Amino acid sequence: MIPAMPAGHASASRSRHARAVPRKGGASSALRYVRLAAMGVVALVILVAGVWGSWGCAQHVMLGKGREHGTMTVSRCDGSVCWGPYEPVSAGSTARQRVTIEQSVAVESGGTYSVVVKPGSSDVVRTGPAGLLHAWVPLGGALLLASVVVAGGLRMRRSAWVLGGAGLALVTAAWVAL
């Protein structure tokens, strides 16, 4: 104790310091690390699922070199599928009477769209900026969902804002492009 300091003040200072130092609890510390690991795995699984869900269509749009490119005029839609004739644009591509495309907000009956044919099938995928953004919409949704897990489970609010902002930007850009 410093001679100029009153006795009561020194003990109050020590007790405040003792309260500020966290106690080391083995069980609670271990549970915190298990929670962080589990939430990290959940966020990672959500993001991988988003990429997986997007890659099925995105690969045909992004890696279109050497594939059949053309235009499709949607003649009819039924259920979750639309179909119509295909007119080739690229060399080596053949005209087809009927190709199919998934019905979504990306296609309308009577519309003509620039498409690429999936190899070994009569299925087509939209190309161009609208097709590319539409293909990555599942990743945008996964980014939005993962941001909630990162904010709540990992308590990383800044990272969650970045993930959520990226997801929102991707989904909004796809909506505007379509």
N, C-alpha and C. Protein backbone atom coordinates (compact mmCIF):
# COMPACT_ATOMS: atom_id res chain seq x y z
N MET A 1 0.83 -1.16 0.00
CA MET A 1 0.00 0.00 0.00
C MET A 1 0.88 1.24 0.00
N ILE A 2 0.47 2.23 -0.76
CA ILE A 2 1.20 3.48 -0.83
C ILE A 2 0.83 4.29 0.42
N PRO A 3 1.83 4.88 1.08
CA PRO A 3 1.54 5.59 2.33
C PRO A 3 0.52 6.72 2.17
N ALA A 4 0.47 7.40 1.06
CA ALA A 4 -0.44 8.53 0.90
C ALA A 4 -1.87 8.08 0.59
N MET A 5 -2.05 6.80 0.28
CA MET A 5 -3.37 6.30 -0.11
C MET A 5 -4.09 5.76 1.13
N PRO A 6 -5.36 6.10 1.28
CA PRO A 6 -6.10 5.57 2.42
C PRO A 6 -6.28 4.06 2.31
N ALA A 7 -6.39 3.37 3.40
CA ALA A 7 -6.47 1.91 3.45
C ALA A 7 -7.71 1.39 2.72
N GLY A 8 -8.84 2.02 2.83
CA GLY A 8 -10.08 1.57 2.20
C GLY A 8 -9.99 1.63 0.67
N HIS A 9 -9.29 2.63 0.17
CA HIS A 9 -9.18 2.81 -1.28
C HIS A 9 -8.34 1.70 -1.90
N ALA A 10 -7.30 1.27 -1.24
CA ALA A 10 -6.43 0.22 -1.79
C ALA A 10 -7.16 -1.10 -1.88
N SER A 11 -7.95 -1.43 -0.87
CA SER A 11 -8.66 -2.71 -0.93
C SER A 11 -9.77 -2.68 -1.98
N ALA A 12 -10.40 -1.52 -2.17
CA ALA A 12 -11.42 -1.39 -3.21
C ALA A 12 -10.79 -1.52 -4.59
N SER A 13 -9.60 -0.97 -4.75
CA SER A 13 -8.91 -1.06 -6.04
C SER A 13 -8.55 -2.50 -6.36
N ARG A 14 -8.07 -3.25 -5.35
CA ARG A 14 -7.73 -4.65 -5.57
C ARG A 14 -8.97 -5.48 -5.89
N SER A 15 -10.08 -5.22 -5.25
CA SER A 15 -11.28 -6.02 -5.50
C SER A 15 -11.84 -5.74 -6.90
N ARG A 16 -11.75 -4.48 -7.35
CA ARG A 16 -12.17 -4.18 -8.72
C ARG A 16 -11.29 -4.90 -9.73
N HIS A 17 -10.00 -4.92 -9.46
CA HIS A 17 -9.07 -5.60 -10.36
C HIS A 17 -9.34 -7.10 -10.37
N ALA A 18 -9.66 -7.64 -9.23
CA ALA A 18 -9.94 -9.08 -9.15
C ALA A 18 -11.20 -9.43 -9.94
N ARG A 19 -12.19 -8.55 -9.95
CA ARG A 19 -13.41 -8.81 -10.72
C ARG A 19 -13.19 -8.67 -12.23
N ALA A 20 -12.24 -7.83 -12.65
CA ALA A 20 -12.01 -7.59 -14.07
C ALA A 20 -11.27 -8.76 -14.72
N VAL A 21 -10.52 -9.52 -13.97
CA VAL A 21 -9.78 -10.65 -14.52
C VAL A 21 -10.74 -11.83 -14.65
N PRO A 22 -10.90 -12.39 -15.85
CA PRO A 22 -11.83 -13.51 -16.01
C PRO A 22 -11.31 -14.76 -15.33
N ARG A 23 -12.25 -15.50 -14.79
CA ARG A 23 -11.89 -16.77 -14.17
C ARG A 23 -11.65 -17.79 -15.26
N LYS A 24 -10.73 -18.65 -15.03
CA LYS A 24 -10.43 -19.70 -15.99
C LYS A 24 -11.22 -20.94 -15.61
N GLY A 25 -12.26 -21.20 -16.38
CA GLY A 25 -13.08 -22.37 -16.14
C GLY A 25 -12.86 -23.36 -17.27
N GLY A 26 -12.41 -24.55 -16.97
CA GLY A 26 -12.09 -25.52 -18.00
C GLY A 26 -13.30 -25.97 -18.79
N ALA A 27 -14.40 -26.25 -18.11
CA ALA A 27 -15.58 -26.77 -18.79
C ALA A 27 -16.25 -25.70 -19.66
N SER A 28 -16.40 -24.49 -19.12
CA SER A 28 -17.05 -23.44 -19.91
C SER A 28 -16.19 -23.01 -21.08
N SER A 29 -14.90 -23.01 -20.91
CA SER A 29 -14.00 -22.66 -22.01
C SER A 29 -14.06 -23.72 -23.11
N ALA A 30 -14.09 -24.97 -22.71
CA ALA A 30 -14.17 -26.06 -23.69
C ALA A 30 -15.50 -26.02 -24.44
N LEU A 31 -16.58 -25.75 -23.73
CA LEU A 31 -17.89 -25.66 -24.39
C LEU A 31 -17.95 -24.50 -25.38
N ARG A 32 -17.29 -23.40 -25.02
CA ARG A 32 -17.27 -22.26 -25.93
C ARG A 32 -16.55 -22.63 -27.23
N TYR A 33 -15.44 -23.35 -27.13
CA TYR A 33 -14.71 -23.76 -28.33
C TYR A 33 -15.50 -24.79 -29.15
N VAL A 34 -16.23 -25.66 -28.47
CA VAL A 34 -17.07 -26.63 -29.18
C VAL A 34 -18.19 -25.90 -29.92
N ARG A 35 -18.80 -24.91 -29.27
CA ARG A 35 -19.85 -24.13 -29.91
C ARG A 35 -19.32 -23.38 -31.12
N LEU A 36 -18.16 -22.76 -30.98
CA LEU A 36 -17.56 -22.04 -32.10
C LEU A 36 -17.23 -22.99 -33.26
N ALA A 37 -16.70 -24.15 -32.94
CA ALA A 37 -16.38 -25.12 -33.99
C ALA A 37 -17.65 -25.61 -34.68
N ALA A 38 -18.68 -25.90 -33.89
CA ALA A 38 -19.93 -26.40 -34.48
C ALA A 38 -20.57 -25.34 -35.37
N MET A 39 -20.62 -24.11 -34.93
CA MET A 39 -21.22 -23.05 -35.74
C MET A 39 -20.37 -22.76 -36.98
N GLY A 40 -19.05 -22.88 -36.85
CA GLY A 40 -18.18 -22.72 -38.02
C GLY A 40 -18.44 -23.80 -39.05
N VAL A 41 -18.64 -25.03 -38.59
CA VAL A 41 -18.95 -26.13 -39.51
C VAL A 41 -20.31 -25.92 -40.16
N VAL A 42 -21.30 -25.47 -39.40
CA VAL A 42 -22.63 -25.21 -39.96
C VAL A 42 -22.55 -24.13 -41.04
N ALA A 43 -21.85 -23.04 -40.75
CA ALA A 43 -21.71 -21.97 -41.74
C ALA A 43 -20.99 -22.46 -42.99
N LEU A 44 -19.95 -23.26 -42.80
CA LEU A 44 -19.21 -23.79 -43.94
C LEU A 44 -20.07 -24.74 -44.78
N VAL A 45 -20.86 -25.59 -44.13
CA VAL A 45 -21.74 -26.51 -44.86
C VAL A 45 -22.78 -25.72 -45.66
N ILE A 46 -23.31 -24.66 -45.09
CA ILE A 46 -24.29 -23.83 -45.80
C ILE A 46 -23.65 -23.22 -47.04
N LEU A 47 -22.44 -22.70 -46.91
CA LEU A 47 -21.77 -22.08 -48.06
C LEU A 47 -21.41 -23.11 -49.13
N VAL A 48 -20.94 -24.28 -48.71
CA VAL A 48 -20.61 -25.33 -49.68
C VAL A 48 -21.87 -25.79 -50.41
N ALA A 49 -22.98 -25.91 -49.69
CA ALA A 49 -24.24 -26.29 -50.33
C ALA A 49 -24.69 -25.23 -51.34
N GLY A 50 -24.47 -23.96 -51.03
CA GLY A 50 -24.81 -22.89 -51.97
C GLY A 50 -23.99 -22.96 -53.24
N VAL A 51 -22.69 -23.21 -53.09
CA VAL A 51 -21.83 -23.35 -54.27
C VAL A 51 -22.23 -24.59 -55.07
N TRP A 52 -22.48 -25.68 -54.37
CA TRP A 52 -22.88 -26.94 -55.02
C TRP A 52 -24.18 -26.76 -55.81
N GLY A 53 -25.14 -26.08 -55.20
CA GLY A 53 -26.42 -25.86 -55.86
C GLY A 53 -26.30 -24.93 -57.06
N SER A 54 -25.38 -24.01 -57.02
CA SER A 54 -25.20 -23.07 -58.11
C SER A 54 -24.36 -23.64 -59.25
N TRP A 55 -23.40 -24.48 -58.93
CA TRP A 55 -22.43 -24.95 -59.91
C TRP A 55 -23.07 -25.79 -61.02
N GLY A 56 -24.19 -26.46 -60.74
CA GLY A 56 -24.84 -27.29 -61.74
C GLY A 56 -25.19 -26.52 -63.00
N CYS A 57 -25.63 -25.29 -62.87
CA CYS A 57 -25.94 -24.45 -64.04
C CYS A 57 -24.80 -23.50 -64.37
N ALA A 58 -24.14 -23.00 -63.36
CA ALA A 58 -23.11 -21.99 -63.58
C ALA A 58 -21.94 -22.52 -64.40
N GLN A 59 -21.62 -23.80 -64.26
CA GLN A 59 -20.48 -24.33 -65.01
C GLN A 59 -20.73 -24.25 -66.51
N HIS A 60 -21.95 -24.44 -66.94
CA HIS A 60 -22.25 -24.39 -68.37
C HIS A 60 -22.19 -22.97 -68.91
N VAL A 61 -22.52 -22.00 -68.07
CA VAL A 61 -22.49 -20.61 -68.48
C VAL A 61 -21.05 -20.09 -68.44
N MET A 62 -20.34 -20.39 -67.38
CA MET A 62 -18.99 -19.86 -67.20
C MET A 62 -17.96 -20.57 -68.08
N LEU A 63 -18.12 -21.86 -68.26
CA LEU A 63 -17.16 -22.64 -69.04
C LEU A 63 -17.80 -23.05 -70.36
N GLY A 64 -18.33 -22.09 -71.07
CA GLY A 64 -19.09 -22.36 -72.29
C GLY A 64 -18.25 -22.58 -73.53
N LYS A 65 -16.93 -22.44 -73.44
CA LYS A 65 -16.10 -22.61 -74.62
C LYS A 65 -16.17 -24.06 -75.10
N GLY A 66 -16.44 -24.25 -76.38
CA GLY A 66 -16.53 -25.58 -76.94
C GLY A 66 -17.91 -26.21 -76.82
N ARG A 67 -18.85 -25.51 -76.25
CA ARG A 67 -20.22 -26.02 -76.12
C ARG A 67 -21.10 -25.42 -77.20
N GLU A 68 -22.26 -25.99 -77.35
CA GLU A 68 -23.20 -25.52 -78.35
C GLU A 68 -23.94 -24.28 -77.85
N HIS A 69 -23.79 -23.18 -78.58
CA HIS A 69 -24.46 -21.93 -78.24
C HIS A 69 -25.53 -21.65 -79.28
N GLY A 70 -26.61 -21.04 -78.84
CA GLY A 70 -27.67 -20.70 -79.77
C GLY A 70 -28.76 -19.91 -79.08
N THR A 71 -29.91 -19.85 -79.72
CA THR A 71 -31.06 -19.16 -79.14
C THR A 71 -32.23 -20.14 -79.05
N MET A 72 -33.03 -19.94 -78.04
CA MET A 72 -34.21 -20.76 -77.82
C MET A 72 -35.42 -19.84 -77.75
N THR A 73 -36.46 -20.20 -78.46
CA THR A 73 -37.73 -19.49 -78.36
C THR A 73 -38.68 -20.37 -77.57
N VAL A 74 -39.09 -19.88 -76.41
CA VAL A 74 -39.98 -20.65 -75.54
C VAL A 74 -41.37 -20.68 -76.16
N SER A 75 -41.82 -21.89 -76.49
CA SER A 75 -43.14 -22.01 -77.10
C SER A 75 -44.21 -22.40 -76.09
N ARG A 76 -43.82 -23.16 -75.08
CA ARG A 76 -44.82 -23.61 -74.10
C ARG A 76 -44.15 -23.94 -72.78
N CYS A 77 -44.88 -23.74 -71.69
CA CYS A 77 -44.41 -24.11 -70.35
C CYS A 77 -45.45 -24.98 -69.69
N ASP A 78 -45.00 -25.97 -68.97
CA ASP A 78 -45.90 -26.86 -68.23
C ASP A 78 -45.18 -27.33 -66.98
N GLY A 79 -45.75 -27.08 -65.84
CA GLY A 79 -45.12 -27.48 -64.59
C GLY A 79 -43.87 -26.66 -64.33
N SER A 80 -42.76 -27.34 -64.20
CA SER A 80 -41.50 -26.65 -63.90
C SER A 80 -40.57 -26.60 -65.10
N VAL A 81 -41.07 -26.94 -66.30
CA VAL A 81 -40.23 -27.01 -67.49
C VAL A 81 -40.87 -26.23 -68.63
N CYS A 82 -40.03 -25.54 -69.39
CA CYS A 82 -40.47 -24.89 -70.62
C CYS A 82 -39.70 -25.51 -71.77
N TRP A 83 -40.30 -25.50 -72.97
CA TRP A 83 -39.60 -26.05 -74.12
C TRP A 83 -39.90 -25.23 -75.36
N GLY A 84 -39.07 -25.47 -76.37
CA GLY A 84 -39.23 -24.77 -77.63
C GLY A 84 -38.10 -25.12 -78.57
N PRO A 85 -38.10 -24.54 -79.79
CA PRO A 85 -37.07 -24.84 -80.78
C PRO A 85 -35.75 -24.14 -80.45
N TYR A 86 -34.67 -24.76 -80.92
CA TYR A 86 -33.32 -24.25 -80.70
C TYR A 86 -32.69 -23.93 -82.05
N GLU A 87 -32.18 -22.71 -82.18
CA GLU A 87 -31.47 -22.29 -83.39
C GLU A 87 -30.00 -22.09 -83.04
N PRO A 88 -29.09 -22.81 -83.72
CA PRO A 88 -27.66 -22.71 -83.38
C PRO A 88 -27.05 -21.38 -83.79
N VAL A 89 -26.03 -20.98 -83.03
CA VAL A 89 -25.25 -19.80 -83.34
C VAL A 89 -23.79 -20.18 -83.52
N SER A 90 -23.30 -21.14 -82.74
CA SER A 90 -21.90 -21.54 -82.80
C SER A 90 -21.68 -22.60 -83.87
N ALA A 91 -20.44 -22.69 -84.32
CA ALA A 91 -20.08 -23.70 -85.32
C ALA A 91 -20.16 -25.08 -84.69
N GLY A 92 -20.68 -26.04 -85.45
CA GLY A 92 -20.79 -27.41 -84.95
C GLY A 92 -22.07 -27.69 -84.17
N SER A 93 -22.85 -26.68 -83.92
CA SER A 93 -24.11 -26.85 -83.20
C SER A 93 -25.20 -27.20 -84.21
N THR A 94 -26.12 -28.05 -83.81
CA THR A 94 -27.20 -28.46 -84.71
C THR A 94 -28.54 -27.93 -84.20
N ALA A 95 -29.41 -27.62 -85.14
CA ALA A 95 -30.75 -27.14 -84.78
C ALA A 95 -31.55 -28.30 -84.18
N ARG A 96 -32.40 -27.95 -83.22
CA ARG A 96 -33.24 -28.95 -82.58
C ARG A 96 -34.68 -28.44 -82.54
N GLN A 97 -35.60 -29.35 -82.71
CA GLN A 97 -37.02 -28.98 -82.68
C GLN A 97 -37.48 -28.68 -81.26
N ARG A 98 -36.88 -29.37 -80.29
CA ARG A 98 -37.34 -29.19 -78.91
C ARG A 98 -36.17 -29.32 -77.93
N VAL A 99 -35.94 -28.27 -77.17
CA VAL A 99 -35.01 -28.29 -76.05
C VAL A 99 -35.79 -27.81 -74.83
N THR A 100 -35.33 -28.17 -73.66
CA THR A 100 -36.04 -27.81 -72.44
C THR A 100 -35.18 -26.91 -71.56
N ILE A 101 -35.85 -26.06 -70.82
CA ILE A 101 -35.20 -25.18 -69.86
C ILE A 101 -36.09 -25.13 -68.62
N GLU A 102 -35.48 -24.98 -67.46
CA GLU A 102 -36.26 -24.90 -66.23
C GLU A 102 -37.10 -23.64 -66.24
N GLN A 103 -38.37 -23.78 -65.86
CA GLN A 103 -39.23 -22.61 -65.78
C GLN A 103 -38.94 -21.89 -64.47
N SER A 104 -38.68 -20.64 -64.57
CA SER A 104 -38.46 -19.80 -63.41
C SER A 104 -38.78 -18.38 -63.81
N VAL A 105 -38.40 -17.45 -62.99
CA VAL A 105 -38.61 -16.05 -63.36
C VAL A 105 -37.71 -15.66 -64.52
N ALA A 106 -36.77 -16.53 -64.87
CA ALA A 106 -35.80 -16.21 -65.92
C ALA A 106 -36.35 -16.40 -67.32
N VAL A 107 -37.45 -17.13 -67.49
CA VAL A 107 -37.99 -17.37 -68.83
C VAL A 107 -39.49 -17.16 -68.84
N GLU A 108 -39.99 -16.71 -70.00
CA GLU A 108 -41.43 -16.53 -70.19
C GLU A 108 -41.82 -17.17 -71.51
N SER A 109 -43.03 -17.61 -71.59
CA SER A 109 -43.53 -18.20 -72.82
C SER A 109 -43.55 -17.13 -73.91
N GLY A 110 -42.99 -17.48 -75.08
CA GLY A 110 -42.92 -16.54 -76.19
C GLY A 110 -41.61 -15.78 -76.28
N GLY A 111 -40.79 -15.85 -75.24
CA GLY A 111 -39.53 -15.12 -75.23
C GLY A 111 -38.42 -15.88 -75.95
N THR A 112 -37.46 -15.15 -76.48
CA THR A 112 -36.30 -15.74 -77.13
C THR A 112 -35.08 -15.44 -76.27
N TYR A 113 -34.31 -16.48 -75.96
CA TYR A 113 -33.19 -16.35 -75.03
C TYR A 113 -31.92 -16.94 -75.62
N SER A 114 -30.81 -16.34 -75.28
CA SER A 114 -29.51 -16.87 -75.65
C SER A 114 -29.18 -17.99 -74.66
N VAL A 115 -28.86 -19.18 -75.19
CA VAL A 115 -28.67 -20.34 -74.33
C VAL A 115 -27.43 -21.14 -74.73
N VAL A 116 -27.03 -22.05 -73.85
CA VAL A 116 -25.99 -23.03 -74.12
C VAL A 116 -26.59 -24.40 -73.80
N VAL A 117 -26.27 -25.39 -74.63
CA VAL A 117 -26.81 -26.73 -74.46
C VAL A 117 -25.92 -27.50 -73.49
N LYS A 118 -26.54 -28.15 -72.50
CA LYS A 118 -25.79 -29.02 -71.60
C LYS A 118 -25.32 -30.23 -72.40
N PRO A 119 -24.06 -30.61 -72.28
CA PRO A 119 -23.54 -31.72 -73.08
C PRO A 119 -24.30 -33.02 -72.85
N GLY A 120 -24.61 -33.72 -73.94
CA GLY A 120 -25.26 -35.01 -73.87
C GLY A 120 -26.73 -34.97 -73.53
N SER A 121 -27.36 -33.83 -73.68
CA SER A 121 -28.79 -33.74 -73.35
C SER A 121 -29.46 -32.72 -74.26
N SER A 122 -30.75 -32.57 -74.06
CA SER A 122 -31.48 -31.52 -74.78
C SER A 122 -31.88 -30.40 -73.82
N ASP A 123 -31.22 -30.33 -72.67
CA ASP A 123 -31.46 -29.26 -71.71
C ASP A 123 -30.56 -28.07 -72.03
N VAL A 124 -31.10 -26.88 -71.84
CA VAL A 124 -30.33 -25.67 -72.09
C VAL A 124 -30.33 -24.79 -70.85
N VAL A 125 -29.35 -23.88 -70.80
CA VAL A 125 -29.20 -22.94 -69.70
C VAL A 125 -29.01 -21.56 -70.31
N ARG A 126 -29.63 -20.55 -69.72
CA ARG A 126 -29.45 -19.18 -70.21
C ARG A 126 -28.00 -18.74 -70.06
N THR A 127 -27.54 -17.96 -71.01
CA THR A 127 -26.18 -17.42 -70.95
C THR A 127 -26.24 -15.91 -70.78
N GLY A 128 -25.09 -15.30 -70.80
CA GLY A 128 -24.99 -13.85 -70.63
C GLY A 128 -25.05 -13.47 -69.17
N PRO A 129 -25.04 -12.18 -68.90
CA PRO A 129 -25.06 -11.71 -67.51
C PRO A 129 -26.27 -12.20 -66.73
N ALA A 130 -27.44 -12.19 -67.36
CA ALA A 130 -28.66 -12.63 -66.66
C ALA A 130 -28.58 -14.10 -66.31
N GLY A 131 -28.10 -14.93 -67.23
CA GLY A 131 -27.98 -16.35 -66.97
C GLY A 131 -26.95 -16.66 -65.90
N LEU A 132 -25.83 -15.93 -65.94
CA LEU A 132 -24.78 -16.14 -64.95
C LEU A 132 -25.26 -15.76 -63.55
N LEU A 133 -25.89 -14.61 -63.44
CA LEU A 133 -26.39 -14.19 -62.14
C LEU A 133 -27.49 -15.12 -61.64
N HIS A 134 -28.36 -15.55 -62.53
CA HIS A 134 -29.44 -16.47 -62.14
C HIS A 134 -28.86 -17.80 -61.66
N ALA A 135 -27.78 -18.26 -62.29
CA ALA A 135 -27.17 -19.52 -61.87
C ALA A 135 -26.59 -19.43 -60.47
N TRP A 136 -26.12 -18.26 -60.06
CA TRP A 136 -25.50 -18.12 -58.74
C TRP A 136 -26.46 -17.67 -57.65
N VAL A 137 -27.75 -17.61 -57.93
CA VAL A 137 -28.72 -17.22 -56.90
C VAL A 137 -28.72 -18.15 -55.69
N PRO A 138 -28.58 -19.49 -55.84
CA PRO A 138 -28.50 -20.33 -54.63
C PRO A 138 -27.33 -19.96 -53.72
N LEU A 139 -26.21 -19.54 -54.30
CA LEU A 139 -25.09 -19.09 -53.47
C LEU A 139 -25.46 -17.80 -52.73
N GLY A 140 -26.19 -16.91 -53.38
CA GLY A 140 -26.63 -15.69 -52.71
C GLY A 140 -27.51 -15.98 -51.51
N GLY A 141 -28.42 -16.93 -51.67
CA GLY A 141 -29.25 -17.34 -50.54
C GLY A 141 -28.44 -17.98 -49.44
N ALA A 142 -27.45 -18.78 -49.81
CA ALA A 142 -26.58 -19.41 -48.81
C ALA A 142 -25.76 -18.36 -48.06
N LEU A 143 -25.31 -17.33 -48.76
CA LEU A 143 -24.58 -16.25 -48.09
C LEU A 143 -25.46 -15.53 -47.08
N LEU A 144 -26.72 -15.30 -47.44
CA LEU A 144 -27.65 -14.65 -46.51
C LEU A 144 -27.89 -15.52 -45.28
N LEU A 145 -28.09 -16.81 -45.49
CA LEU A 145 -28.33 -17.72 -44.37
C LEU A 145 -27.08 -17.88 -43.51
N ALA A 146 -25.92 -17.99 -44.14
CA ALA A 146 -24.68 -18.14 -43.38
C ALA A 146 -24.38 -16.89 -42.56
N SER A 147 -24.81 -15.73 -43.04
CA SER A 147 -24.56 -14.51 -42.27
C SER A 147 -25.29 -14.54 -40.92
N VAL A 148 -26.46 -15.14 -40.90
CA VAL A 148 -27.20 -15.26 -39.64
C VAL A 148 -26.47 -16.20 -38.68
N VAL A 149 -25.94 -17.30 -39.21
CA VAL A 149 -25.19 -18.24 -38.37
C VAL A 149 -23.91 -17.60 -37.86
N VAL A 150 -23.22 -16.86 -38.71
CA VAL A 150 -21.96 -16.22 -38.32
C VAL A 150 -22.23 -15.14 -37.27
N ALA A 151 -23.30 -14.39 -37.43
CA ALA A 151 -23.61 -13.33 -36.45
C ALA A 151 -24.06 -13.91 -35.12
N GLY A 152 -24.96 -14.88 -35.16
CA GLY A 152 -25.51 -15.42 -33.93
C GLY A 152 -24.65 -16.48 -33.27
N GLY A 153 -24.14 -17.41 -34.06
CA GLY A 153 -23.39 -18.52 -33.49
C GLY A 153 -21.93 -18.22 -33.25
N LEU A 154 -21.32 -17.49 -34.16
CA LEU A 154 -19.89 -17.18 -34.02
C LEU A 154 -19.64 -15.81 -33.42
N ARG A 155 -20.68 -15.00 -33.34
CA ARG A 155 -20.61 -13.65 -32.80
C ARG A 155 -19.58 -12.79 -33.54
N MET A 156 -19.55 -12.96 -34.84
CA MET A 156 -18.66 -12.18 -35.70
C MET A 156 -19.55 -11.28 -36.56
N ARG A 157 -19.95 -10.18 -35.98
CA ARG A 157 -20.95 -9.33 -36.62
C ARG A 157 -20.44 -8.65 -37.89
N ARG A 158 -19.22 -8.21 -37.91
CA ARG A 158 -18.69 -7.57 -39.12
C ARG A 158 -18.63 -8.55 -40.28
N SER A 159 -18.14 -9.74 -40.02
CA SER A 159 -18.09 -10.76 -41.07
C SER A 159 -19.49 -11.12 -41.54
N ALA A 160 -20.43 -11.16 -40.61
CA ALA A 160 -21.82 -11.46 -40.97
C ALA A 160 -22.39 -10.38 -41.87
N TRP A 161 -22.08 -9.13 -41.59
CA TRP A 161 -22.55 -8.04 -42.45
C TRP A 161 -21.96 -8.17 -43.85
N VAL A 162 -20.70 -8.56 -43.95
CA VAL A 162 -20.07 -8.72 -45.26
C VAL A 162 -20.74 -9.86 -46.02
N LEU A 163 -20.94 -11.01 -45.35
CA LEU A 163 -21.60 -12.14 -46.01
C LEU A 163 -23.03 -11.79 -46.43
N GLY A 164 -23.77 -11.19 -45.54
CA GLY A 164 -25.14 -10.81 -45.85
C GLY A 164 -25.21 -9.77 -46.96
N GLY A 165 -24.31 -8.81 -46.94
CA GLY A 165 -24.28 -7.80 -48.00
C GLY A 165 -23.95 -8.40 -49.35
N ALA A 166 -22.99 -9.33 -49.37
CA ALA A 166 -22.63 -10.00 -50.63
C ALA A 166 -23.81 -10.83 -51.15
N GLY A 167 -24.48 -11.55 -50.26
CA GLY A 167 -25.63 -12.35 -50.67
C GLY A 167 -26.76 -11.48 -51.18
N LEU A 168 -27.04 -10.40 -50.49
CA LEU A 168 -28.10 -9.49 -50.91
C LEU A 168 -27.76 -8.84 -52.25
N ALA A 169 -26.50 -8.46 -52.43
CA ALA A 169 -26.08 -7.85 -53.70
C ALA A 169 -26.23 -8.84 -54.85
N LEU A 170 -25.86 -10.10 -54.62
CA LEU A 170 -25.97 -11.11 -55.68
C LEU A 170 -27.43 -11.38 -56.05
N VAL A 171 -28.27 -11.55 -55.07
CA VAL A 171 -29.68 -11.82 -55.34
C VAL A 171 -30.34 -10.61 -56.00
N THR A 172 -30.02 -9.41 -55.54
CA THR A 172 -30.59 -8.20 -56.13
C THR A 172 -30.11 -8.02 -57.57
N ALA A 173 -28.82 -8.25 -57.81
CA ALA A 173 -28.30 -8.11 -59.17
C ALA A 173 -28.97 -9.10 -60.12
N ALA A 174 -29.20 -10.33 -59.65
CA ALA A 174 -29.88 -11.32 -60.48
C ALA A 174 -31.32 -10.88 -60.76
N TRP A 175 -31.98 -10.34 -59.78
CA TRP A 175 -33.36 -9.89 -59.96
C TRP A 175 -33.42 -8.74 -60.96
N VAL A 176 -32.48 -7.80 -60.87
CA VAL A 176 -32.46 -6.66 -61.78
C VAL A 176 -32.11 -7.12 -63.19
N ALA A 177 -31.18 -8.07 -63.33
CA ALA A 177 -30.75 -8.53 -64.65
C ALA A 177 -31.85 -9.32 -65.36
N LEU A 178 -32.70 -9.99 -64.60
CA LEU A 178 -33.75 -10.79 -65.23
C LEU A 178 -34.93 -9.92 -65.56
